[in-house]
Amino acid sequence: MADTLTAARGDIADGRRRAQRRKRRLAVVFVLPALLLLGALVVYPVLFSFGRSLFDADGTRFVGAGNYAAIVQDPATLKAIRNSALWVVVAPTLLTGLGLMLAVLTEKVRWATAFKLVLFLPMAVSFLAAGIIFRLAYEQDPDRGVLNAAVVGIHDSFEDSAAFPTARAREGQGLTGSAGGPYSTERTLRPGSSVSLGFIGVAPGSMPAAAKAAATAAPVADAIGGVVYLDFAPGGAGTPGKVDPGENGLPGMTVEAVRDGGRVAATAVTADDGSFRFTGLADGDYTVRLPAANFDAPYQGVNWLGPALVTPAIIGAYLWVWTGFAMVLIGAGLAAIPRDALEAARMDGASESQIFRKITVPLLAPVLTVVFVTLVINVMKVFDLVYIIAPGPVQEEANVLATRMWLVSFGGGNDQGLGSALSVVLLLLVVPAMVFNIRRFRRSGS
């Protein structure tokens, strides 16, 4: 009887083992295509890149760790590493903070769903399209770049621009100076005299609407009069240096009477007909001068894509795309916070800021950590925005590891050994953050 029971138990155990083996074989059959695909798309490229990084640019000579040594010796690569470090520190921190702030605020607005939708919409835009949008928005020309159009509009609201930045004195007509000013009369004048100051280089469309036909102020005994005018009659008629019919004055020009080696004795502003007059002058010799401020180039705004601001400008574009992502994830975590804890804190007299700092943020810490680490992984691989937004002359100033890797390998460098070494370094930097995130997900799932 005992032998029979032992045999039966053995048969049952064998059956279970055979069933387990069948299940494992079946699992392998289903998983094998995914494993083959993973090996072809991930494992093989990683191994090949590591092997390729040990050879020279042509792939014919083994150099060992030579390419890795070149990474720390190449100034352009070191600059890319510094930029990548700046991205890792700034972009995830700002995005996590913005996402937290917006997630909290959207709970208090009436149209929260619509607000979240609008903020999340940039996630539907590809990095290529976003890069083109911001490349245009950052254009230096205010007529094309919307940001500089706003900056110039605000600037010009508080500070007047130069009257005629393109005007220049007609040669041989009694004025000395170079383009951009200042201009002064070659001869001195005494009270009771007048002078005509002719300029060219003002396009018809640049003339103020208030400009009238040029007219010289009549001389007065204790004054010096004159006119500043566009010395160009329609059709090219008229005599240079003489006020002819059809020639307009240049209104709004600042004119100075100078004597005694540069001391400004009087200042006047030209009228709509270009006339001006210095009154109450003491007897003596004066030089009439037009300061350089009349000819300053108009304010063109901020050079967003210059060497100093190109990286912050690209980070700004990245924030526009990813703020909605951070807000939605943090908002989901915020919705899971027990409301009774918040209500209990309010009942105990805690202010909203205290509730936010001592209850909301600590309870959201796991979500904030996942969002932050996910963004760190993402910014380490950023490529499209940097490559598209940064103009060619400042591309090196904006490069990160991903763009440097591409430029070295395919963008003209043709050194796939160094490019492969950069790809391995980038992988080694990303893997710890990925492992950390996976562990966080597993812990939260359990």
Foldseek 3Di string as FASTA:
>chain_A
DVVVVVVVVVVVVVVVVVVVVVVVVVVCVVCVVVVVVCCVPPVVVLVVLVVLLQAWLVSPHGNGCVLVVVLVVDPLNVLQAVLLVVCLPPLLVVLLVLLLVLLVVLVVDDPSVVVLCVLQVLLVPDLQVLLVVLLQLLDLALVGHVVLVVVLVVVCVVDPAAQAQQKDFDPPQQWDDDRLDKIKGNFWDWQQEEAETEIERGDPVSADPLWDQADWDHGDRQKYKYFYWHQAAPPRDDDGNDRDPRITTRFQFKKFKADDPGDTPAIWTAHSRRMTMGGPHDTDITMMIGGSSNNDDRDRGDNCQDLVRNSVSLSVSVSSNCSSVSNVQLSVQQVPFDVVVVVVCVVVPDDPVCCCVPPVCVSSVLSSLLSSLVVSLVSLQDDSSLVSNHDPVNSSSNHHLNNVLCCCCPVPVSTSNSSSVSVSVSVVVNVVSVVVNVVSVVVVVD
